[in-house]
Amino acid sequence: NPTIGPGLTVSLSIIGLMISSIIIEHNGLFQVPKNKTTRLKIISV
């Protein structure tokens, strides 16, 4: 936060969070029910 700023910090971390969530759900990792990623879901993210 004090080095690259809160705006960019939050933005990049949320992007990493959302992309990782798609990968986890798509592959059913960490005991998460598997659910294939659709084009609509990619567009929404």
ModelCIF file with pLDDT and N, C-alpha, C, O atoms, coordinates in Angstrom:
data_MODEL
#
_entry.id   MODEL 
#
_entity.id                         1 
_entity.type                       polymer 
_entity.pdbx_number_of_molecules   1 
#
_entity_poly.entity_id                      1 
_entity_poly.type                           'polypeptide(L)' 
_entity_poly.nstd_linkage                   no 
_entity_poly.nstd_monomer                   no 
_entity_poly.pdbx_seq_one_letter_code       NPTIGPGLTVSLSIIGLMISSIIIEHNGLFQVPKNKTTRLKIISV 
_entity_poly.pdbx_seq_one_letter_code_can   NPTIGPGLTVSLSIIGLMISSIIIEHNGLFQVPKNKTTRLKIISV 
_entity_poly.pdbx_strand_id                 A 
#
loop_
_entity_poly_seq.entity_id 
_entity_poly_seq.num 
_entity_poly_seq.mon_id 
_entity_poly_seq.hetero 
1 1  ASN n 
1 2  PRO n 
1 3  THR n 
1 4  ILE n 
1 5  GLY n 
1 6  PRO n 
1 7  GLY n 
1 8  LEU n 
1 9  THR n 
1 10 VAL n 
1 11 SER n 
1 12 LEU n 
1 13 SER n 
1 14 ILE n 
1 15 ILE n 
1 16 GLY n 
1 17 LEU n 
1 18 MET n 
1 19 ILE n 
1 20 SER n 
1 21 SER n 
1 22 ILE n 
1 23 ILE n 
1 24 ILE n 
1 25 GLU n 
1 26 HIS n 
1 27 ASN n 
1 28 GLY n 
1 29 LEU n 
1 30 PHE n 
1 31 GLN n 
1 32 VAL n 
1 33 PRO n 
1 34 LYS n 
1 35 ASN n 
1 36 LYS n 
1 37 THR n 
1 38 THR n 
1 39 ARG n 
1 40 LEU n 
1 41 LYS n 
1 42 ILE n 
1 43 ILE n 
1 44 SER n 
1 45 VAL n 
#
_struct_asym.id          A 
_struct_asym.entity_id   1 
#
loop_
_ma_qa_metric.id 
_ma_qa_metric.mode 
_ma_qa_metric.name 
_ma_qa_metric.software_group_id 
_ma_qa_metric.type 
1 global pLDDT . pLDDT 
2 local  pLDDT . pLDDT 
#
_ma_qa_metric_global.metric_id      1 
_ma_qa_metric_global.metric_value   78.40 
_ma_qa_metric_global.model_id       1 
_ma_qa_metric_global.ordinal_id     1 
#
loop_
_ma_qa_metric_local.label_asym_id 
_ma_qa_metric_local.label_comp_id 
_ma_qa_metric_local.label_seq_id 
_ma_qa_metric_local.metric_id 
_ma_qa_metric_local.metric_value 
_ma_qa_metric_local.model_id 
_ma_qa_metric_local.ordinal_id 
A ASN 1  2 63.00 1 1  
A PRO 2  2 56.00 1 2  
A THR 3  2 66.00 1 3  
A ILE 4  2 68.00 1 4  
A GLY 5  2 58.00 1 5  
A PRO 6  2 60.00 1 6  
A GLY 7  2 58.00 1 7  
A LEU 8  2 63.00 1 8  
A THR 9  2 71.00 1 9  
A VAL 10 2 70.00 1 10 
A SER 11 2 69.00 1 11 
A LEU 12 2 76.00 1 12 
A SER 13 2 79.00 1 13 
A ILE 14 2 77.00 1 14 
A ILE 15 2 79.00 1 15 
A GLY 16 2 85.00 1 16 
A LEU 17 2 82.00 1 17 
A MET 18 2 79.00 1 18 
A ILE 19 2 84.00 1 19 
A SER 20 2 87.00 1 20 
A SER 21 2 83.00 1 21 
A ILE 22 2 83.00 1 22 
A ILE 23 2 88.00 1 23 
A ILE 24 2 88.00 1 24 
A GLU 25 2 83.00 1 25 
A HIS 26 2 86.00 1 26 
A ASN 27 2 90.00 1 27 
A GLY 28 2 88.00 1 28 
A LEU 29 2 89.00 1 29 
A PHE 30 2 87.00 1 30 
A GLN 31 2 84.00 1 31 
A VAL 32 2 83.00 1 32 
A PRO 33 2 80.00 1 33 
A LYS 34 2 83.00 1 34 
A ASN 35 2 78.00 1 35 
A LYS 36 2 80.00 1 36 
A THR 37 2 79.00 1 37 
A THR 38 2 82.00 1 38 
A ARG 39 2 85.00 1 39 
A LEU 40 2 84.00 1 40 
A LYS 41 2 79.00 1 41 
A ILE 42 2 85.00 1 42 
A ILE 43 2 88.00 1 43 
A SER 44 2 82.00 1 44 
A VAL 45 2 81.00 1 45 
#
loop_
_atom_site.group_PDB 
_atom_site.id 
_atom_site.type_symbol 
_atom_site.label_atom_id 
_atom_site.label_alt_id 
_atom_site.label_comp_id 
_atom_site.label_asym_id 
_atom_site.label_entity_id 
_atom_site.label_seq_id 
_atom_site.pdbx_PDB_ins_code 
_atom_site.Cartn_x 
_atom_site.Cartn_y 
_atom_site.Cartn_z 
_atom_site.occupancy 
_atom_site.B_iso_or_equiv 
_atom_site.pdbx_formal_charge 
_atom_site.auth_seq_id 
_atom_site.auth_comp_id 
_atom_site.auth_asym_id 
_atom_site.auth_atom_id 
_atom_site.pdbx_PDB_model_num 
ATOM 1   N N  . ASN A 1 1  ? 0.804   -1.225  0.000   1.00 63.00 ? 1  ASN A N  1 
ATOM 2   C CA . ASN A 1 1  ? 0.000   0.000   0.000   1.00 63.00 ? 1  ASN A CA 1 
ATOM 3   C C  . ASN A 1 1  ? 0.841   1.280   0.000   1.00 63.00 ? 1  ASN A C  1 
ATOM 4   O O  . ASN A 1 1  ? 0.560   2.185   -0.785  1.00 63.00 ? 1  ASN A O  1 
ATOM 5   N N  . PRO A 1 2  ? 1.863   1.383   0.856   1.00 56.00 ? 2  PRO A N  1 
ATOM 6   C CA . PRO A 1 2  ? 2.653   2.619   0.852   1.00 56.00 ? 2  PRO A CA 1 
ATOM 7   C C  . PRO A 1 2  ? 3.659   2.719   -0.293  1.00 56.00 ? 2  PRO A C  1 
ATOM 8   O O  . PRO A 1 2  ? 4.225   3.788   -0.522  1.00 56.00 ? 2  PRO A O  1 
ATOM 9   N N  . THR A 1 3  ? 3.887   1.627   -1.011  1.00 66.00 ? 3  THR A N  1 
ATOM 10  C CA . THR A 1 3  ? 4.910   1.644   -2.067  1.00 66.00 ? 3  THR A CA 1 
ATOM 11  C C  . THR A 1 3  ? 4.317   1.861   -3.460  1.00 66.00 ? 3  THR A C  1 
ATOM 12  O O  . THR A 1 3  ? 4.765   2.746   -4.189  1.00 66.00 ? 3  THR A O  1 
ATOM 13  N N  . ILE A 1 4  ? 3.317   1.067   -3.834  1.00 68.00 ? 4  ILE A N  1 
ATOM 14  C CA . ILE A 1 4  ? 2.727   1.251   -5.174  1.00 68.00 ? 4  ILE A CA 1 
ATOM 15  C C  . ILE A 1 4  ? 1.338   1.880   -5.097  1.00 68.00 ? 4  ILE A C  1 
ATOM 16  O O  . ILE A 1 4  ? 0.690   2.079   -6.125  1.00 68.00 ? 4  ILE A O  1 
ATOM 17  N N  . GLY A 1 5  ? 0.883   2.192   -3.897  1.00 58.00 ? 5  GLY A N  1 
ATOM 18  C CA . GLY A 1 5  ? -0.394  2.873   -3.737  1.00 58.00 ? 5  GLY A CA 1 
ATOM 19  C C  . GLY A 1 5  ? -1.542  1.900   -3.515  1.00 58.00 ? 5  GLY A C  1 
ATOM 20  O O  . GLY A 1 5  ? -1.534  0.799   -4.065  1.00 58.00 ? 5  GLY A O  1 
ATOM 21  N N  . PRO A 1 6  ? -2.534  2.293   -2.712  1.00 60.00 ? 6  PRO A N  1 
ATOM 22  C CA . PRO A 1 6  ? -3.661  1.404   -2.413  1.00 60.00 ? 6  PRO A CA 1 
ATOM 23  C C  . PRO A 1 6  ? -4.506  1.040   -3.621  1.00 60.00 ? 6  PRO A C  1 
ATOM 24  O O  . PRO A 1 6  ? -4.995  -0.086  -3.717  1.00 60.00 ? 6  PRO A O  1 
ATOM 25  N N  . GLY A 1 7  ? -4.687  1.991   -4.558  1.00 58.00 ? 7  GLY A N  1 
ATOM 26  C CA . GLY A 1 7  ? -5.515  1.721   -5.729  1.00 58.00 ? 7  GLY A CA 1 
ATOM 27  C C  . GLY A 1 7  ? -4.961  0.592   -6.571  1.00 58.00 ? 7  GLY A C  1 
ATOM 28  O O  . GLY A 1 7  ? -5.675  -0.356  -6.901  1.00 58.00 ? 7  GLY A O  1 
ATOM 29  N N  . LEU A 1 8  ? -3.688  0.693   -6.918  1.00 63.00 ? 8  LEU A N  1 
ATOM 30  C CA . LEU A 1 8  ? -3.060  -0.327  -7.755  1.00 63.00 ? 8  LEU A CA 1 
ATOM 31  C C  . LEU A 1 8  ? -2.908  -1.639  -6.984  1.00 63.00 ? 8  LEU A C  1 
ATOM 32  O O  . LEU A 1 8  ? -3.042  -2.717  -7.563  1.00 63.00 ? 8  LEU A O  1 
ATOM 33  N N  . THR A 1 9  ? -2.631  -1.552  -5.689  1.00 71.00 ? 9  THR A N  1 
ATOM 34  C CA . THR A 1 9  ? -2.497  -2.757  -4.867  1.00 71.00 ? 9  THR A CA 1 
ATOM 35  C C  . THR A 1 9  ? -3.789  -3.556  -4.860  1.00 71.00 ? 9  THR A C  1 
ATOM 36  O O  . THR A 1 9  ? -3.785  -4.762  -5.106  1.00 71.00 ? 9  THR A O  1 
ATOM 37  N N  . VAL A 1 10 ? -4.898  -2.875  -4.576  1.00 70.00 ? 10 VAL A N  1 
ATOM 38  C CA . VAL A 1 10 ? -6.207  -3.546  -4.535  1.00 70.00 ? 10 VAL A CA 1 
ATOM 39  C C  . VAL A 1 10 ? -6.573  -4.097  -5.906  1.00 70.00 ? 10 VAL A C  1 
ATOM 40  O O  . VAL A 1 10 ? -7.052  -5.226  -6.017  1.00 70.00 ? 10 VAL A O  1 
ATOM 41  N N  . SER A 1 11 ? -6.347  -3.298  -6.960  1.00 69.00 ? 11 SER A N  1 
ATOM 42  C CA . SER A 1 11 ? -6.703  -3.725  -8.313  1.00 69.00 ? 11 SER A CA 1 
ATOM 43  C C  . SER A 1 11 ? -5.986  -5.009  -8.710  1.00 69.00 ? 11 SER A C  1 
ATOM 44  O O  . SER A 1 11 ? -6.613  -5.958  -9.181  1.00 69.00 ? 11 SER A O  1 
ATOM 45  N N  . LEU A 1 12 ? -4.660  -5.034  -8.515  1.00 76.00 ? 12 LEU A N  1 
ATOM 46  C CA . LEU A 1 12 ? -3.877  -6.197  -8.924  1.00 76.00 ? 12 LEU A CA 1 
ATOM 47  C C  . LEU A 1 12 ? -4.215  -7.421  -8.076  1.00 76.00 ? 12 LEU A C  1 
ATOM 48  O O  . LEU A 1 12 ? -4.285  -8.535  -8.596  1.00 76.00 ? 12 LEU A O  1 
ATOM 49  N N  . SER A 1 13 ? -4.425  -7.221  -6.775  1.00 79.00 ? 13 SER A N  1 
ATOM 50  C CA . SER A 1 13 ? -4.742  -8.361  -5.908  1.00 79.00 ? 13 SER A CA 1 
ATOM 51  C C  . SER A 1 13 ? -6.110  -8.946  -6.251  1.00 79.00 ? 13 SER A C  1 
ATOM 52  O O  . SER A 1 13 ? -6.291  -10.163 -6.218  1.00 79.00 ? 13 SER A O  1 
ATOM 53  N N  . ILE A 1 14 ? -7.072  -8.086  -6.579  1.00 77.00 ? 14 ILE A N  1 
ATOM 54  C CA . ILE A 1 14 ? -8.410  -8.575  -6.938  1.00 77.00 ? 14 ILE A CA 1 
ATOM 55  C C  . ILE A 1 14 ? -8.376  -9.319  -8.269  1.00 77.00 ? 14 ILE A C  1 
ATOM 56  O O  . ILE A 1 14 ? -9.058  -10.328 -8.444  1.00 77.00 ? 14 ILE A O  1 
ATOM 57  N N  . ILE A 1 15 ? -7.571  -8.810  -9.207  1.00 79.00 ? 15 ILE A N  1 
ATOM 58  C CA . ILE A 1 15 ? -7.426  -9.505  -10.487 1.00 79.00 ? 15 ILE A CA 1 
ATOM 59  C C  . ILE A 1 15 ? -6.840  -10.896 -10.256 1.00 79.00 ? 15 ILE A C  1 
ATOM 60  O O  . ILE A 1 15 ? -7.328  -11.882 -10.809 1.00 79.00 ? 15 ILE A O  1 
ATOM 61  N N  . GLY A 1 16 ? -5.784  -10.970 -9.431  1.00 85.00 ? 16 GLY A N  1 
ATOM 62  C CA . GLY A 1 16 ? -5.203  -12.276 -9.097  1.00 85.00 ? 16 GLY A CA 1 
ATOM 63  C C  . GLY A 1 16 ? -6.200  -13.173 -8.404  1.00 85.00 ? 16 GLY A C  1 
ATOM 64  O O  . GLY A 1 16 ? -6.244  -14.376 -8.661  1.00 85.00 ? 16 GLY A O  1 
ATOM 65  N N  . LEU A 1 17 ? -7.006  -12.594 -7.524  1.00 82.00 ? 17 LEU A N  1 
ATOM 66  C CA . LEU A 1 17 ? -8.025  -13.349 -6.793  1.00 82.00 ? 17 LEU A CA 1 
ATOM 67  C C  . LEU A 1 17 ? -9.063  -13.937 -7.731  1.00 82.00 ? 17 LEU A C  1 
ATOM 68  O O  . LEU A 1 17 ? -9.423  -15.107 -7.602  1.00 82.00 ? 17 LEU A O  1 
ATOM 69  N N  . MET A 1 18 ? -9.545  -13.143 -8.667  1.00 79.00 ? 18 MET A N  1 
ATOM 70  C CA . MET A 1 18 ? -10.618 -13.594 -9.565  1.00 79.00 ? 18 MET A CA 1 
ATOM 71  C C  . MET A 1 18 ? -10.109 -14.632 -10.562 1.00 79.00 ? 18 MET A C  1 
ATOM 72  O O  . MET A 1 18 ? -10.783 -15.630 -10.818 1.00 79.00 ? 18 MET A O  1 
ATOM 73  N N  . ILE A 1 19 ? -8.930  -14.402 -11.121 1.00 84.00 ? 19 ILE A N  1 
ATOM 74  C CA . ILE A 1 19 ? -8.368  -15.366 -12.068 1.00 84.00 ? 19 ILE A CA 1 
ATOM 75  C C  . ILE A 1 19 ? -8.116  -16.699 -11.374 1.00 84.00 ? 19 ILE A C  1 
ATOM 76  O O  . ILE A 1 19 ? -8.409  -17.761 -11.922 1.00 84.00 ? 19 ILE A O  1 
ATOM 77  N N  . SER A 1 20 ? -7.571  -16.633 -10.163 1.00 87.00 ? 20 SER A N  1 
ATOM 78  C CA . SER A 1 20 ? -7.304  -17.860 -9.409  1.00 87.00 ? 20 SER A CA 1 
ATOM 79  C C  . SER A 1 20 ? -8.594  -18.593 -9.069  1.00 87.00 ? 20 SER A C  1 
ATOM 80  O O  . SER A 1 20 ? -8.634  -19.823 -9.096  1.00 87.00 ? 20 SER A O  1 
ATOM 81  N N  . SER A 1 21 ? -9.648  -17.850 -8.751  1.00 83.00 ? 21 SER A N  1 
ATOM 82  C CA . SER A 1 21 ? -10.934 -18.461 -8.423  1.00 83.00 ? 21 SER A CA 1 
ATOM 83  C C  . SER A 1 21 ? -11.501 -19.213 -9.619  1.00 83.00 ? 21 SER A C  1 
ATOM 84  O O  . SER A 1 21 ? -12.090 -20.282 -9.460  1.00 83.00 ? 21 SER A O  1 
ATOM 85  N N  . ILE A 1 22 ? -11.325 -18.658 -10.819 1.00 83.00 ? 22 ILE A N  1 
ATOM 86  C CA . ILE A 1 22 ? -11.787 -19.332 -12.043 1.00 83.00 ? 22 ILE A CA 1 
ATOM 87  C C  . ILE A 1 22 ? -11.032 -20.643 -12.226 1.00 83.00 ? 22 ILE A C  1 
ATOM 88  O O  . ILE A 1 22 ? -11.632 -21.677 -12.519 1.00 83.00 ? 22 ILE A O  1 
ATOM 89  N N  . ILE A 1 23 ? -9.709  -20.594 -12.051 1.00 88.00 ? 23 ILE A N  1 
ATOM 90  C CA . ILE A 1 23 ? -8.877  -21.796 -12.224 1.00 88.00 ? 23 ILE A CA 1 
ATOM 91  C C  . ILE A 1 23 ? -9.268  -22.872 -11.209 1.00 88.00 ? 23 ILE A C  1 
ATOM 92  O O  . ILE A 1 23 ? -9.371  -24.051 -11.548 1.00 88.00 ? 23 ILE A O  1 
ATOM 93  N N  . ILE A 1 24 ? -9.485  -22.451 -9.965  1.00 88.00 ? 24 ILE A N  1 
ATOM 94  C CA . ILE A 1 24 ? -9.853  -23.395 -8.903  1.00 88.00 ? 24 ILE A CA 1 
ATOM 95  C C  . ILE A 1 24 ? -11.181 -24.065 -9.210  1.00 88.00 ? 24 ILE A C  1 
ATOM 96  O O  . ILE A 1 24 ? -11.309 -25.282 -9.083  1.00 88.00 ? 24 ILE A O  1 
ATOM 97  N N  . GLU A 1 25 ? -12.169 -23.278 -9.614  1.00 83.00 ? 25 GLU A N  1 
ATOM 98  C CA . GLU A 1 25 ? -13.493 -23.825 -9.907  1.00 83.00 ? 25 GLU A CA 1 
ATOM 99  C C  . GLU A 1 25 ? -13.467 -24.690 -11.171 1.00 83.00 ? 25 GLU A C  1 
ATOM 100 O O  . GLU A 1 25 ? -14.110 -25.738 -11.222 1.00 83.00 ? 25 GLU A O  1 
ATOM 101 N N  . HIS A 1 26 ? -12.727 -24.252 -12.180 1.00 86.00 ? 26 HIS A N  1 
ATOM 102 C CA . HIS A 1 26 ? -12.671 -24.981 -13.450 1.00 86.00 ? 26 HIS A CA 1 
ATOM 103 C C  . HIS A 1 26 ? -12.050 -26.365 -13.282 1.00 86.00 ? 26 HIS A C  1 
ATOM 104 O O  . HIS A 1 26 ? -12.486 -27.333 -13.906 1.00 86.00 ? 26 HIS A O  1 
ATOM 105 N N  . ASN A 1 27 ? -11.027 -26.447 -12.433 1.00 90.00 ? 27 ASN A N  1 
ATOM 106 C CA . ASN A 1 27 ? -10.307 -27.711 -12.245 1.00 90.00 ? 27 ASN A CA 1 
ATOM 107 C C  . ASN A 1 27 ? -10.722 -28.485 -10.998 1.00 90.00 ? 27 ASN A C  1 
ATOM 108 O O  . ASN A 1 27 ? -10.236 -29.590 -10.757 1.00 90.00 ? 27 ASN A O  1 
ATOM 109 N N  . GLY A 1 28 ? -11.621 -27.902 -10.207 1.00 88.00 ? 28 GLY A N  1 
ATOM 110 C CA . GLY A 1 28 ? -12.073 -28.580 -8.999  1.00 88.00 ? 28 GLY A CA 1 
ATOM 111 C C  . GLY A 1 28 ? -10.968 -28.762 -7.970  1.00 88.00 ? 28 GLY A C  1 
ATOM 112 O O  . GLY A 1 28 ? -10.887 -29.804 -7.319  1.00 88.00 ? 28 GLY A O  1 
ATOM 113 N N  . LEU A 1 29 ? -10.117 -27.751 -7.820  1.00 89.00 ? 29 LEU A N  1 
ATOM 114 C CA . LEU A 1 29 ? -8.996  -27.843 -6.887  1.00 89.00 ? 29 LEU A CA 1 
ATOM 115 C C  . LEU A 1 29 ? -9.446  -27.618 -5.443  1.00 89.00 ? 29 LEU A C  1 
ATOM 116 O O  . LEU A 1 29 ? -10.479 -26.995 -5.197  1.00 89.00 ? 29 LEU A O  1 
ATOM 117 N N  . PHE A 1 30 ? -8.668  -28.125 -4.500  1.00 87.00 ? 30 PHE A N  1 
ATOM 118 C CA . PHE A 1 30 ? -8.889  -27.925 -3.064  1.00 87.00 ? 30 PHE A CA 1 
ATOM 119 C C  . PHE A 1 30 ? -10.298 -28.342 -2.632  1.00 87.00 ? 30 PHE A C  1 
ATOM 120 O O  . PHE A 1 30 ? -10.924 -27.690 -1.797  1.00 87.00 ? 30 PHE A O  1 
ATOM 121 N N  . GLN A 1 31 ? -10.776 -29.430 -3.213  1.00 84.00 ? 31 GLN A N  1 
ATOM 122 C CA . GLN A 1 31 ? -12.067 -30.020 -2.884  1.00 84.00 ? 31 GLN A CA 1 
ATOM 123 C C  . GLN A 1 31 ? -13.256 -29.138 -3.276  1.00 84.00 ? 31 GLN A C  1 
ATOM 124 O O  . GLN A 1 31 ? -14.368 -29.332 -2.786  1.00 84.00 ? 31 GLN A O  1 
ATOM 125 N N  . VAL A 1 32 ? -13.014 -28.179 -4.153  1.00 83.00 ? 32 VAL A N  1 
ATOM 126 C CA . VAL A 1 32 ? -14.102 -27.341 -4.669  1.00 83.00 ? 32 VAL A CA 1 
ATOM 127 C C  . VAL A 1 32 ? -14.818 -28.101 -5.774  1.00 83.00 ? 32 VAL A C  1 
ATOM 128 O O  . VAL A 1 32 ? -14.153 -28.666 -6.642  1.00 83.00 ? 32 VAL A O  1 
ATOM 129 N N  . PRO A 1 33 ? -16.163 -28.138 -5.780  1.00 80.00 ? 33 PRO A N  1 
ATOM 130 C CA . PRO A 1 33 ? -16.891 -28.823 -6.852  1.00 80.00 ? 33 PRO A CA 1 
ATOM 131 C C  . PRO A 1 33 ? -16.471 -28.303 -8.224  1.00 80.00 ? 33 PRO A C  1 
ATOM 132 O O  . PRO A 1 33 ? -16.425 -27.093 -8.445  1.00 80.00 ? 33 PRO A O  1 
ATOM 133 N N  . LYS A 1 34 ? -16.172 -29.203 -9.127  1.00 83.00 ? 34 LYS A N  1 
ATOM 134 C CA . LYS A 1 34 ? -15.684 -28.826 -10.452 1.00 83.00 ? 34 LYS A CA 1 
ATOM 135 C C  . LYS A 1 34 ? -16.801 -28.231 -11.291 1.00 83.00 ? 34 LYS A C  1 
ATOM 136 O O  . LYS A 1 34 ? -17.903 -28.776 -11.355 1.00 83.00 ? 34 LYS A O  1 
ATOM 137 N N  . ASN A 1 35 ? -16.509 -27.110 -11.933 1.00 78.00 ? 35 ASN A N  1 
ATOM 138 C CA . ASN A 1 35 ? -17.495 -26.444 -12.776 1.00 78.00 ? 35 ASN A CA 1 
ATOM 139 C C  . ASN A 1 35 ? -16.761 -25.777 -13.934 1.00 78.00 ? 35 ASN A C  1 
ATOM 140 O O  . ASN A 1 35 ? -16.019 -24.815 -13.738 1.00 78.00 ? 35 ASN A O  1 
ATOM 141 N N  . LYS A 1 36 ? -16.971 -26.293 -15.128 1.00 80.00 ? 36 LYS A N  1 
ATOM 142 C CA . LYS A 1 36 ? -16.252 -25.795 -16.299 1.00 80.00 ? 36 LYS A CA 1 
ATOM 143 C C  . LYS A 1 36 ? -16.516 -24.309 -16.542 1.00 80.00 ? 36 LYS A C  1 
ATOM 144 O O  . LYS A 1 36 ? -17.639 -23.824 -16.398 1.00 80.00 ? 36 LYS A O  1 
ATOM 145 N N  . THR A 1 37 ? -15.458 -23.612 -16.911 1.00 79.00 ? 37 THR A N  1 
ATOM 146 C CA . THR A 1 37 ? -15.556 -22.185 -17.183 1.00 79.00 ? 37 THR A CA 1 
ATOM 147 C C  . THR A 1 37 ? -16.201 -21.944 -18.544 1.00 79.00 ? 37 THR A C  1 
ATOM 148 O O  . THR A 1 37 ? -15.789 -22.529 -19.546 1.00 79.00 ? 37 THR A O  1 
ATOM 149 N N  . THR A 1 38 ? -17.211 -21.080 -18.574 1.00 82.00 ? 38 THR A N  1 
ATOM 150 C CA . THR A 1 38 ? -17.896 -20.748 -19.820 1.00 82.00 ? 38 THR A CA 1 
ATOM 151 C C  . THR A 1 38 ? -17.359 -19.419 -20.366 1.00 82.00 ? 38 THR A C  1 
ATOM 152 O O  . THR A 1 38 ? -16.694 -18.664 -19.657 1.00 82.00 ? 38 THR A O  1 
ATOM 153 N N  . ARG A 1 39 ? -17.660 -19.156 -21.630 1.00 85.00 ? 39 ARG A N  1 
ATOM 154 C CA . ARG A 1 39 ? -17.244 -17.882 -22.226 1.00 85.00 ? 39 ARG A CA 1 
ATOM 155 C C  . ARG A 1 39 ? -17.895 -16.709 -21.501 1.00 85.00 ? 39 ARG A C  1 
ATOM 156 O O  . ARG A 1 39 ? -17.270 -15.668 -21.297 1.00 85.00 ? 39 ARG A O  1 
ATOM 157 N N  . LEU A 1 40 ? -19.160 -16.889 -21.116 1.00 84.00 ? 40 LEU A N  1 
ATOM 158 C CA . LEU A 1 40 ? -19.879 -15.818 -20.431 1.00 84.00 ? 40 LEU A CA 1 
ATOM 159 C C  . LEU A 1 40 ? -19.202 -15.480 -19.104 1.00 84.00 ? 40 LEU A C  1 
ATOM 160 O O  . LEU A 1 40 ? -19.109 -14.313 -18.723 1.00 84.00 ? 40 LEU A O  1 
ATOM 161 N N  . LYS A 1 41 ? -18.729 -16.515 -18.406 1.00 79.00 ? 41 LYS A N  1 
ATOM 162 C CA . LYS A 1 41 ? -18.066 -16.285 -17.124 1.00 79.00 ? 41 LYS A CA 1 
ATOM 163 C C  . LYS A 1 41 ? -16.750 -15.538 -17.327 1.00 79.00 ? 41 LYS A C  1 
ATOM 164 O O  . LYS A 1 41 ? -16.409 -14.647 -16.549 1.00 79.00 ? 41 LYS A O  1 
ATOM 165 N N  . ILE A 1 42 ? -16.021 -15.900 -18.367 1.00 85.00 ? 42 ILE A N  1 
ATOM 166 C CA . ILE A 1 42 ? -14.763 -15.201 -18.669 1.00 85.00 ? 42 ILE A CA 1 
ATOM 167 C C  . ILE A 1 42 ? -15.034 -13.745 -19.021 1.00 85.00 ? 42 ILE A C  1 
ATOM 168 O O  . ILE A 1 42 ? -14.318 -12.845 -18.579 1.00 85.00 ? 42 ILE A O  1 
ATOM 169 N N  . ILE A 1 43 ? -16.084 -13.519 -19.827 1.00 88.00 ? 43 ILE A N  1 
ATOM 170 C CA . ILE A 1 43 ? -16.445 -12.148 -20.208 1.00 88.00 ? 43 ILE A CA 1 
ATOM 171 C C  . ILE A 1 43 ? -16.841 -11.331 -18.985 1.00 88.00 ? 43 ILE A C  1 
ATOM 172 O O  . ILE A 1 43 ? -16.452 -10.170 -18.851 1.00 88.00 ? 43 ILE A O  1 
ATOM 173 N N  . SER A 1 44 ? -17.628 -11.952 -18.085 1.00 82.00 ? 44 SER A N  1 
ATOM 174 C CA . SER A 1 44 ? -18.096 -11.235 -16.891 1.00 82.00 ? 44 SER A CA 1 
ATOM 175 C C  . SER A 1 44 ? -16.915 -10.824 -16.015 1.00 82.00 ? 44 SER A C  1 
ATOM 176 O O  . SER A 1 44 ? -16.882 -9.708  -15.497 1.00 82.00 ? 44 SER A O  1 
ATOM 177 N N  . VAL A 1 45 ? -15.950 -11.720 -15.852 1.00 81.00 ? 45 VAL A N  1 
ATOM 178 C CA . VAL A 1 45 ? -14.771 -11.412 -15.042 1.00 81.00 ? 45 VAL A CA 1 
ATOM 179 C C  . VAL A 1 45 ? -13.917 -10.344 -15.729 1.00 81.00 ? 45 VAL A C  1 
ATOM 180 O O  . VAL A 1 45 ? -12.877 -9.950  -15.200 1.00 81.00 ? 45 VAL A O  1 
#
